[in-house]
Amino acid sequence: MKAIKTTVYNSNQSWYFDEIRRLPNSQMSMVHIMIRKNAYDAQSYGKIELWTGTAWSLIHSIPGEVLDTSCSYTEKNVTASRFAEDVKDLVDTALEVLA
């Protein structure tokens, strides 16, 4: 999948990873990957959604308690690579569901 836009930012005492990717062999189909890592697992999550043409539809989610991503809101300069394992899990599962 080709990334269209990737953003990593700190807000509300959480680190966020937000990425939109184009599905392989498709000009219009896109997925939206969102991960929030907070000090409290219950406030953390990972999810991937499919663009249906009119709205985003949830494909798969990961509860905060099982996220592999580890970072603290007090850290500086967290990069997209810190979220790589969870992104891979979300994308792999989404591709299987959509196949």
PDB file of N, CA and C in Angstrom:
ATOM      1  N   MET A   1       0.835  -1.185   0.000  1.00  0.00           N
ATOM      2  CA  MET A   1       0.000   0.000   0.000  1.00  0.00           C
ATOM      3  C   MET A   1       0.876   1.242   0.000  1.00  0.00           C
ATOM      4  N   LYS A   2       0.484   2.219  -0.765  1.00  0.00           N
ATOM      5  CA  LYS A   2       1.234   3.466  -0.843  1.00  0.00           C
ATOM      6  C   LYS A   2       0.655   4.498   0.130  1.00  0.00           C
ATOM      7  N   ALA A   3       1.521   5.044   0.977  1.00  0.00           N
ATOM      8  CA  ALA A   3       1.088   6.077   1.923  1.00  0.00           C
ATOM      9  C   ALA A   3       0.823   7.377   1.178  1.00  0.00           C
ATOM     10  N   ILE A   4      -0.318   7.980   1.457  1.00  0.00           N
ATOM     11  CA  ILE A   4      -0.675   9.280   0.891  1.00  0.00           C
ATOM     12  C   ILE A   4      -0.251  10.383   1.852  1.00  0.00           C
ATOM     13  N   LYS A   5      -0.519  10.157   3.146  1.00  0.00           N
ATOM     14  CA  LYS A   5      -0.156  11.146   4.166  1.00  0.00           C
ATOM     15  C   LYS A   5       0.051  10.439   5.497  1.00  0.00           C
ATOM     16  N   THR A   6       1.145  10.768   6.181  1.00  0.00           N
ATOM     17  CA  THR A   6       1.455  10.203   7.491  1.00  0.00           C
ATOM     18  C   THR A   6       1.717  11.344   8.461  1.00  0.00           C
ATOM     19  N   THR A   7       1.081  11.270   9.627  1.00  0.00           N
ATOM     20  CA  THR A   7       1.269  12.291  10.658  1.00  0.00           C
ATOM     21  C   THR A   7       1.472  11.602  12.003  1.00  0.00           C
ATOM     22  N   VAL A   8       2.472  12.056  12.750  1.00  0.00           N
ATOM     23  CA  VAL A   8       2.692  11.606  14.126  1.00  0.00           C
ATOM     24  C   VAL A   8       2.735  12.864  14.978  1.00  0.00           C
ATOM     25  N   TYR A   9       1.910  12.880  16.015  1.00  0.00           N
ATOM     26  CA  TYR A   9       1.857  14.088  16.837  1.00  0.00           C
ATOM     27  C   TYR A   9       1.476  13.768  18.271  1.00  0.00           C
ATOM     28  N   ASN A  10       1.771  14.713  19.169  1.00  0.00           N
ATOM     29  CA  ASN A  10       1.480  14.590  20.592  1.00  0.00           C
ATOM     30  C   ASN A  10       0.368  15.575  20.926  1.00  0.00           C
ATOM     31  N   SER A  11      -0.698  15.059  21.546  1.00  0.00           N
ATOM     32  CA  SER A  11      -1.818  15.901  21.951  1.00  0.00           C
ATOM     33  C   SER A  11      -2.571  15.215  23.080  1.00  0.00           C
ATOM     34  N   ASN A  12      -3.093  15.997  24.004  1.00  0.00           N
ATOM     35  CA  ASN A  12      -3.896  15.456  25.103  1.00  0.00           C
ATOM     36  C   ASN A  12      -3.182  14.329  25.853  1.00  0.00           C
ATOM     37  N   GLN A  13      -1.902  14.503  26.103  1.00  0.00           N
ATOM     38  CA  GLN A  13      -1.080  13.533  26.823  1.00  0.00           C
ATOM     39  C   GLN A  13      -1.065  12.160  26.149  1.00  0.00           C
ATOM     40  N   SER A  14      -1.120  12.145  24.828  1.00  0.00           N
ATOM     41  CA  SER A  14      -1.061  10.918  24.039  1.00  0.00           C
ATOM     42  C   SER A  14      -0.226  11.161  22.785  1.00  0.00           C
ATOM     43  N   TRP A  15       0.361  10.090  22.268  1.00  0.00           N
ATOM     44  CA  TRP A  15       0.995  10.130  20.952  1.00  0.00           C
ATOM     45  C   TRP A  15       0.033   9.516  19.953  1.00  0.00           C
ATOM     46  N   TYR A  16      -0.095  10.150  18.794  1.00  0.00           N
ATOM     47  CA  TYR A  16      -0.994   9.697  17.740  1.00  0.00           C
ATOM     48  C   TYR A  16      -0.220   9.405  16.459  1.00  0.00           C
ATOM     49  N   PHE A  17      -0.596   8.308  15.808  1.00  0.00           N
ATOM     50  CA  PHE A  17      -0.123   7.986  14.465  1.00  0.00           C
ATOM     51  C   PHE A  17      -1.361   8.004  13.584  1.00  0.00           C
ATOM     52  N   ASP A  18      -1.297   8.736  12.486  1.00  0.00           N
ATOM     53  CA  ASP A  18      -2.443   8.877  11.591  1.00  0.00           C
ATOM     54  C   ASP A  18      -1.920   8.773  10.150  1.00  0.00           C
ATOM     55  N   GLU A  19      -2.435   7.811   9.406  1.00  0.00           N
ATOM     56  CA  GLU A  19      -1.938   7.620   8.040  1.00  0.00           C
ATOM     57  C   GLU A  19      -3.072   7.207   7.109  1.00  0.00           C
ATOM     58  N   ILE A  20      -3.046   7.750   5.906  1.00  0.00           N
ATOM     59  CA  ILE A  20      -3.968   7.343   4.850  1.00  0.00           C
ATOM     60  C   ILE A  20      -3.135   6.670   3.775  1.00  0.00           C
ATOM     61  N   ARG A  21      -3.584   5.493   3.349  1.00  0.00           N
ATOM     62  CA  ARG A  21      -2.884   4.733   2.309  1.00  0.00           C
ATOM     63  C   ARG A  21      -3.857   4.357   1.198  1.00  0.00           C
ATOM     64  N   ARG A  22      -3.306   4.262  -0.004  1.00  0.00           N
ATOM     65  CA  ARG A  22      -4.089   3.790  -1.149  1.00  0.00           C
ATOM     66  C   ARG A  22      -3.916   2.277  -1.248  1.00  0.00           C
ATOM     67  N   LEU A  23      -5.021   1.571  -1.469  1.00  0.00           N
ATOM     68  CA  LEU A  23      -4.963   0.120  -1.628  1.00  0.00           C
ATOM     69  C   LEU A  23      -4.257  -0.245  -2.926  1.00  0.00           C
ATOM     70  N   PRO A  24      -3.581  -1.396  -2.959  1.00  0.00           N
ATOM     71  CA  PRO A  24      -2.910  -1.814  -4.187  1.00  0.00           C
ATOM     72  C   PRO A  24      -3.911  -1.973  -5.337  1.00  0.00           C
ATOM     73  N   ASN A  25      -3.490  -1.624  -6.532  1.00  0.00           N
ATOM     74  CA  ASN A  25      -4.304  -1.781  -7.748  1.00  0.00           C
ATOM     75  C   ASN A  25      -5.627  -1.036  -7.689  1.00  0.00           C
ATOM     76  N   SER A  26      -5.645   0.096  -7.009  1.00  0.00           N
ATOM     77  CA  SER A  26      -6.882   0.864  -6.896  1.00  0.00           C
ATOM     78  C   SER A  26      -6.565   2.353  -6.897  1.00  0.00           C
ATOM     79  N   GLN A  27      -7.318   3.114  -7.649  1.00  0.00           N
ATOM     80  CA  GLN A  27      -7.162   4.561  -7.644  1.00  0.00           C
ATOM     81  C   GLN A  27      -8.040   5.224  -6.592  1.00  0.00           C
ATOM     82  N   MET A  28      -9.159   4.597  -6.240  1.00  0.00           N
ATOM     83  CA  MET A  28     -10.130   5.236  -5.346  1.00  0.00           C
ATOM     84  C   MET A  28     -10.172   4.645  -3.936  1.00  0.00           C
ATOM     85  N   SER A  29      -9.814   3.376  -3.766  1.00  0.00           N
ATOM     86  CA  SER A  29      -9.929   2.742  -2.456  1.00  0.00           C
ATOM     87  C   SER A  29      -8.770   3.125  -1.555  1.00  0.00           C
ATOM     88  N   MET A  30      -9.113   3.559  -0.354  1.00  0.00           N
ATOM     89  CA  MET A  30      -8.112   3.988   0.621  1.00  0.00           C
ATOM     90  C   MET A  30      -8.430   3.418   1.992  1.00  0.00           C
ATOM     91  N   VAL A  31      -7.378   3.312   2.827  1.00  0.00           N
ATOM     92  CA  VAL A  31      -7.559   2.951   4.228  1.00  0.00           C
ATOM     93  C   VAL A  31      -6.977   4.047   5.097  1.00  0.00           C
ATOM     94  N   HIS A  32      -7.535   4.179   6.285  1.00  0.00           N
ATOM     95  CA  HIS A  32      -7.106   5.179   7.271  1.00  0.00           C
ATOM     96  C   HIS A  32      -6.666   4.411   8.513  1.00  0.00           C
ATOM     97  N   ILE A  33      -5.393   4.569   8.884  1.00  0.00           N
ATOM     98  CA  ILE A  33      -4.821   3.887  10.045  1.00  0.00           C
ATOM     99  C   ILE A  33      -4.676   4.905  11.164  1.00  0.00           C
ATOM    100  N   MET A  34      -5.203   4.564  12.340  1.00  0.00           N
ATOM    101  CA  MET A  34      -5.122   5.462  13.487  1.00  0.00           C
ATOM    102  C   MET A  34      -4.671   4.685  14.717  1.00  0.00           C
ATOM    103  N   ILE A  35      -3.652   5.192  15.379  1.00  0.00           N
ATOM    104  CA  ILE A  35      -3.181   4.597  16.632  1.00  0.00           C
ATOM    105  C   ILE A  35      -3.032   5.720  17.645  1.00  0.00           C
ATOM    106  N   ARG A  36      -3.566   5.490  18.829  1.00  0.00           N
ATOM    107  CA  ARG A  36      -3.388   6.426  19.941  1.00  0.00           C
ATOM    108  C   ARG A  36      -2.723   5.665  21.073  1.00  0.00           C
ATOM    109  N   LYS A  37      -1.592   6.174  21.561  1.00  0.00           N
ATOM    110  CA  LYS A  37      -0.909   5.559  22.699  1.00  0.00           C
ATOM    111  C   LYS A  37      -0.913   6.535  23.854  1.00  0.00           C
ATOM    112  N   ASN A  38      -1.568   6.120  24.939  1.00  0.00           N
ATOM    113  CA  ASN A  38      -1.719   6.915  26.143  1.00  0.00           C
ATOM    114  C   ASN A  38      -1.111   6.131  27.298  1.00  0.00           C
ATOM    115  N   ALA A  39      -0.796   6.796  28.391  1.00  0.00           N
ATOM    116  CA  ALA A  39      -0.264   6.114  29.573  1.00  0.00           C
ATOM    117  C   ALA A  39      -1.261   5.085  30.110  1.00  0.00           C
ATOM    118  N   TYR A  40      -2.536   5.306  29.885  1.00  0.00           N
ATOM    119  CA  TYR A  40      -3.578   4.378  30.309  1.00  0.00           C
ATOM    120  C   TYR A  40      -4.001   3.538  29.106  1.00  0.00           C
ATOM    121  N   ASP A  41      -3.836   2.221  29.215  1.00  0.00           N
ATOM    122  CA  ASP A  41      -4.184   1.333  28.103  1.00  0.00           C
ATOM    123  C   ASP A  41      -5.627   1.490  27.650  1.00  0.00           C
ATOM    124  N   ALA A  42      -6.529   1.750  28.595  1.00  0.00           N
ATOM    125  CA  ALA A  42      -7.946   1.890  28.250  1.00  0.00           C
ATOM    126  C   ALA A  42      -8.200   3.093  27.343  1.00  0.00           C
ATOM    127  N   GLN A  43      -7.263   4.040  27.318  1.00  0.00           N
ATOM    128  CA  GLN A  43      -7.404   5.219  26.463  1.00  0.00           C
ATOM    129  C   GLN A  43      -6.576   5.105  25.180  1.00  0.00           C
ATOM    130  N   SER A  44      -5.971   3.948  24.968  1.00  0.00           N
ATOM    131  CA  SER A  44      -5.157   3.697  23.778  1.00  0.00           C
ATOM    132  C   SER A  44      -5.924   2.795  22.825  1.00  0.00           C
ATOM    133  N   TYR A  45      -5.591   2.863  21.537  1.00  0.00           N
ATOM    134  CA  TYR A  45      -6.253   2.005  20.543  1.00  0.00           C
ATOM    135  C   TYR A  45      -5.485   2.034  19.231  1.00  0.00           C
ATOM    136  N   GLY A  46      -5.788   1.064  18.406  1.00  0.00           N
ATOM    137  CA  GLY A  46      -5.341   1.050  17.023  1.00  0.00           C
ATOM    138  C   GLY A  46      -6.530   0.660  16.174  1.00  0.00           C
ATOM    139  N   LYS A  47      -6.717   1.297  15.037  1.00  0.00           N
ATOM    140  CA  LYS A  47      -7.818   0.906  14.152  1.00  0.00           C
ATOM    141  C   LYS A  47      -7.496   1.257  12.710  1.00  0.00           C
ATOM    142  N   ILE A  48      -8.138   0.516  11.816  1.00  0.00           N
ATOM    143  CA  ILE A  48      -7.978   0.757  10.390  1.00  0.00           C
ATOM    144  C   ILE A  48      -9.366   0.757   9.761  1.00  0.00           C
ATOM    145  N   GLU A  49      -9.604   1.747   8.916  1.00  0.00           N
ATOM    146  CA  GLU A  49     -10.912   1.924   8.289  1.00  0.00           C
ATOM    147  C   GLU A  49     -10.759   1.960   6.772  1.00  0.00           C
ATOM    148  N   LEU A  50     -11.810   1.559   6.072  1.00  0.00           N
ATOM    149  CA  LEU A  50     -11.859   1.578   4.613  1.00  0.00           C
ATOM    150  C   LEU A  50     -12.745   2.722   4.151  1.00  0.00           C
ATOM    151  N   TRP A  51     -12.290   3.476   3.144  1.00  0.00           N
ATOM    152  CA  TRP A  51     -13.118   4.519   2.540  1.00  0.00           C
ATOM    153  C   TRP A  51     -14.108   3.849   1.601  1.00  0.00           C
ATOM    154  N   THR A  52     -15.406   4.042   1.843  1.00  0.00           N
ATOM    155  CA  THR A  52     -16.448   3.386   1.047  1.00  0.00           C
ATOM    156  C   THR A  52     -16.917   4.258  -0.106  1.00  0.00           C
ATOM    157  N   GLY A  53     -16.410   5.459  -0.197  1.00  0.00           N
ATOM    158  CA  GLY A  53     -16.850   6.400  -1.217  1.00  0.00           C
ATOM    159  C   GLY A  53     -17.659   7.529  -0.616  1.00  0.00           C
ATOM    160  N   THR A  54     -18.243   7.262   0.559  1.00  0.00           N
ATOM    161  CA  THR A  54     -19.020   8.290   1.244  1.00  0.00           C
ATOM    162  C   THR A  54     -18.668   8.410   2.728  1.00  0.00           C
ATOM    163  N   ALA A  55     -18.021   7.359   3.283  1.00  0.00           N
ATOM    164  CA  ALA A  55     -17.701   7.378   4.714  1.00  0.00           C
ATOM    165  C   ALA A  55     -16.605   6.359   5.002  1.00  0.00           C
ATOM    166  N   TRP A  56     -15.982   6.496   6.184  1.00  0.00           N
ATOM    167  CA  TRP A  56     -14.998   5.519   6.634  1.00  0.00           C
ATOM    168  C   TRP A  56     -15.717   4.396   7.374  1.00  0.00           C
ATOM    169  N   SER A  57     -15.348   3.150   7.083  1.00  0.00           N
ATOM    170  CA  SER A  57     -15.973   1.976   7.696  1.00  0.00           C
ATOM    171  C   SER A  57     -14.887   1.135   8.385  1.00  0.00           C
ATOM    172  N   LEU A  58     -15.093   0.819   9.651  1.00  0.00           N
ATOM    173  CA  LEU A  58     -14.099   0.079  10.435  1.00  0.00           C
ATOM    174  C   LEU A  58     -13.879  -1.320   9.858  1.00  0.00           C
ATOM    175  N   ILE A  59     -12.598  -1.683   9.683  1.00  0.00           N
ATOM    176  CA  ILE A  59     -12.227  -3.033   9.229  1.00  0.00           C
ATOM    177  C   ILE A  59     -11.729  -3.857  10.414  1.00  0.00           C
ATOM    178  N   HIS A  60     -10.834  -3.258  11.221  1.00  0.00           N
ATOM    179  CA  HIS A  60     -10.183  -3.996  12.310  1.00  0.00           C
ATOM    180  C   HIS A  60      -9.721  -3.005  13.376  1.00  0.00           C
ATOM    181  N   SER A  61      -9.701  -3.463  14.622  1.00  0.00           N
ATOM    182  CA  SER A  61      -9.192  -2.619  15.701  1.00  0.00           C
ATOM    183  C   SER A  61      -8.370  -3.456  16.678  1.00  0.00           C
ATOM    184  N   ILE A  62      -7.485  -2.783  17.395  1.00  0.00           N
ATOM    185  CA  ILE A  62      -6.650  -3.409  18.420  1.00  0.00           C
ATOM    186  C   ILE A  62      -6.890  -2.646  19.716  1.00  0.00           C
ATOM    187  N   PRO A  63      -7.303  -3.332  20.781  1.00  0.00           N
ATOM    188  CA  PRO A  63      -7.475  -2.635  22.059  1.00  0.00           C
ATOM    189  C   PRO A  63      -6.126  -2.194  22.626  1.00  0.00           C
ATOM    190  N   GLY A  64      -6.144  -1.140  23.395  1.00  0.00           N
ATOM    191  CA  GLY A  64      -4.917  -0.589  23.959  1.00  0.00           C
ATOM    192  C   GLY A  64      -4.109  -1.572  24.777  1.00  0.00           C
ATOM    193  N   GLU A  65      -4.794  -2.509  25.416  1.00  0.00           N
ATOM    194  CA  GLU A  65      -4.112  -3.478  26.272  1.00  0.00           C
ATOM    195  C   GLU A  65      -3.179  -4.403  25.501  1.00  0.00           C
ATOM    196  N   VAL A  66      -3.388  -4.554  24.190  1.00  0.00           N
ATOM    197  CA  VAL A  66      -2.543  -5.460  23.407  1.00  0.00           C
ATOM    198  C   VAL A  66      -1.703  -4.738  22.346  1.00  0.00           C
ATOM    199  N   LEU A  67      -1.700  -3.412  22.343  1.00  0.00           N
ATOM    200  CA  LEU A  67      -0.838  -2.670  21.412  1.00  0.00           C
ATOM    201  C   LEU A  67       0.628  -2.963  21.724  1.00  0.00           C
ATOM    202  N   ASP A  68       1.438  -3.087  20.683  1.00  0.00           N
ATOM    203  CA  ASP A  68       2.883  -3.259  20.861  1.00  0.00           C
ATOM    204  C   ASP A  68       3.596  -1.922  21.018  1.00  0.00           C
ATOM    205  N   THR A  69       2.990  -0.853  20.527  1.00  0.00           N
ATOM    206  CA  THR A  69       3.599   0.475  20.587  1.00  0.00           C
ATOM    207  C   THR A  69       3.864   0.866  22.036  1.00  0.00           C
ATOM    208  N   SER A  70       5.062   1.367  22.270  1.00  0.00           N
ATOM    209  CA  SER A  70       5.435   1.820  23.603  1.00  0.00           C
ATOM    210  C   SER A  70       6.078   3.200  23.500  1.00  0.00           C
ATOM    211  N   CYS A  71       5.432   4.189  24.068  1.00  0.00           N
ATOM    212  CA  CYS A  71       6.004   5.532  24.146  1.00  0.00           C
ATOM    213  C   CYS A  71       5.248   6.314  25.213  1.00  0.00           C
ATOM    214  N   SER A  72       5.904   7.315  25.744  1.00  0.00           N
ATOM    215  CA  SER A  72       5.312   8.150  26.783  1.00  0.00           C
ATOM    216  C   SER A  72       5.008   9.529  26.207  1.00  0.00           C
ATOM    217  N   TYR A  73       3.934  10.135  26.677  1.00  0.00           N
ATOM    218  CA  TYR A  73       3.578  11.472  26.189  1.00  0.00           C
ATOM    219  C   TYR A  73       4.657  12.506  26.534  1.00  0.00           C
ATOM    220  N   THR A  74       5.526  12.182  27.488  1.00  0.00           N
ATOM    221  CA  THR A  74       6.593  13.117  27.857  1.00  0.00           C
ATOM    222  C   THR A  74       7.797  13.044  26.915  1.00  0.00           C
ATOM    223  N   GLU A  75       7.836  12.003  26.067  1.00  0.00           N
ATOM    224  CA  GLU A  75       8.949  11.870  25.116  1.00  0.00           C
ATOM    225  C   GLU A  75       8.872  12.933  24.034  1.00  0.00           C
ATOM    226  N   LYS A  76      10.024  13.265  23.498  1.00  0.00           N
ATOM    227  CA  LYS A  76      10.108  14.210  22.382  1.00  0.00           C
ATOM    228  C   LYS A  76      10.471  13.436  21.122  1.00  0.00           C
ATOM    229  N   ASN A  77      10.039  13.922  19.970  1.00  0.00           N
ATOM    230  CA  ASN A  77      10.454  13.382  18.679  1.00  0.00           C
ATOM    231  C   ASN A  77      10.144  11.899  18.465  1.00  0.00           C
ATOM    232  N   VAL A  78       8.967  11.460  18.823  1.00  0.00           N
ATOM    233  CA  VAL A  78       8.540  10.097  18.506  1.00  0.00           C
ATOM    234  C   VAL A  78       8.249  10.046  17.008  1.00  0.00           C
ATOM    235  N   THR A  79       8.767   9.036  16.334  1.00  0.00           N
ATOM    236  CA  THR A  79       8.596   8.922  14.881  1.00  0.00           C
ATOM    237  C   THR A  79       7.654   7.785  14.520  1.00  0.00           C
ATOM    238  N   ALA A  80       7.274   7.742  13.270  1.00  0.00           N
ATOM    239  CA  ALA A  80       6.341   6.724  12.774  1.00  0.00           C
ATOM    240  C   ALA A  80       6.863   5.305  13.002  1.00  0.00           C
ATOM    241  N   SER A  81       8.176   5.138  13.003  1.00  0.00           N
ATOM    242  CA  SER A  81       8.745   3.793  13.174  1.00  0.00           C
ATOM    243  C   SER A  81       8.384   3.171  14.522  1.00  0.00           C
ATOM    244  N   ARG A  82       8.084   3.987  15.518  1.00  0.00           N
ATOM    245  CA  ARG A  82       7.691   3.468  16.837  1.00  0.00           C
ATOM    246  C   ARG A  82       6.358   2.727  16.782  1.00  0.00           C
ATOM    247  N   PHE A  83       5.544   3.014  15.779  1.00  0.00           N
ATOM    248  CA  PHE A  83       4.225   2.405  15.639  1.00  0.00           C
ATOM    249  C   PHE A  83       4.226   1.238  14.646  1.00  0.00           C
ATOM    250  N   ALA A  84       5.393   0.901  14.098  1.00  0.00           N
ATOM    251  CA  ALA A  84       5.498  -0.025  12.968  1.00  0.00           C
ATOM    252  C   ALA A  84       4.849  -1.395  13.189  1.00  0.00           C
ATOM    253  N   GLU A  85       5.044  -1.993  14.359  1.00  0.00           N
ATOM    254  CA  GLU A  85       4.482  -3.332  14.598  1.00  0.00           C
ATOM    255  C   GLU A  85       2.958  -3.313  14.573  1.00  0.00           C
ATOM    256  N   ASP A  86       2.372  -2.311  15.212  1.00  0.00           N
ATOM    257  CA  ASP A  86       0.911  -2.224  15.222  1.00  0.00           C
ATOM    258  C   ASP A  86       0.361  -1.851  13.849  1.00  0.00           C
ATOM    259  N   VAL A  87       1.061  -0.998  13.121  1.00  0.00           N
ATOM    260  CA  VAL A  87       0.637  -0.653  11.756  1.00  0.00           C
ATOM    261  C   VAL A  87       0.640  -1.912  10.900  1.00  0.00           C
ATOM    262  N   LYS A  88       1.709  -2.711  11.011  1.00  0.00           N
ATOM    263  CA  LYS A  88       1.788  -3.947  10.226  1.00  0.00           C
ATOM    264  C   LYS A  88       0.638  -4.888  10.564  1.00  0.00           C
ATOM    265  N   ASP A  89       0.339  -5.038  11.832  1.00  0.00           N
ATOM    266  CA  ASP A  89      -0.771  -5.903  12.258  1.00  0.00           C
ATOM    267  C   ASP A  89      -2.090  -5.419  11.660  1.00  0.00           C
ATOM    268  N   LEU A  90      -2.360  -4.121  11.760  1.00  0.00           N
ATOM    269  CA  LEU A  90      -3.599  -3.567  11.227  1.00  0.00           C
ATOM    270  C   LEU A  90      -3.696  -3.744   9.713  1.00  0.00           C
ATOM    271  N   VAL A  91      -2.609  -3.441   9.005  1.00  0.00           N
ATOM    272  CA  VAL A  91      -2.609  -3.539   7.539  1.00  0.00           C
ATOM    273  C   VAL A  91      -2.730  -4.991   7.093  1.00  0.00           C
ATOM    274  N   ASP A  92      -1.970  -5.890   7.700  1.00  0.00           N
ATOM    275  CA  ASP A  92      -2.037  -7.306   7.313  1.00  0.00           C
ATOM    276  C   ASP A  92      -3.438  -7.871   7.498  1.00  0.00           C
ATOM    277  N   THR A  93      -4.047  -7.551   8.620  1.00  0.00           N
ATOM    278  CA  THR A  93      -5.403  -8.033   8.887  1.00  0.00           C
ATOM    279  C   THR A  93      -6.390  -7.435   7.903  1.00  0.00           C
ATOM    280  N   ALA A  94      -6.278  -6.146   7.622  1.00  0.00           N
ATOM    281  CA  ALA A  94      -7.182  -5.487   6.679  1.00  0.00           C
ATOM    282  C   ALA A  94      -7.075  -6.106   5.280  1.00  0.00           C
ATOM    283  N   LEU A  95      -5.857  -6.378   4.844  1.00  0.00           N
ATOM    284  CA  LEU A  95      -5.672  -6.981   3.511  1.00  0.00           C
ATOM    285  C   LEU A  95      -6.298  -8.368   3.451  1.00  0.00           C
ATOM    286  N   GLU A  96      -6.210  -9.129   4.531  1.00  0.00           N
ATOM    287  CA  GLU A  96      -6.848 -10.449   4.576  1.00  0.00           C
ATOM    288  C   GLU A  96      -8.369 -10.321   4.526  1.00  0.00           C
ATOM    289  N   VAL A  97      -8.900  -9.393   5.280  1.00  0.00           N
ATOM    290  CA  VAL A  97     -10.361  -9.184   5.311  1.00  0.00           C
ATOM    291  C   VAL A  97     -10.865  -8.749   3.940  1.00  0.00           C
ATOM    292  N   LEU A  98     -10.120  -7.878   3.281  1.00  0.00           N
ATOM    293  CA  LEU A  98     -10.560  -7.328   2.003  1.00  0.00           C
ATOM    294  C   LEU A  98     -10.288  -8.230   0.808  1.00  0.00           C
ATOM    295  N   ALA A  99      -9.485  -9.281   1.009  1.00  0.00           N
ATOM    296  CA  ALA A  99      -9.124 -10.184  -0.107  1.00  0.00           C
ATOM    297  C   ALA A  99     -10.309 -11.003  -0.588  1.00  0.00           C
TER     298      ALA A  99
END
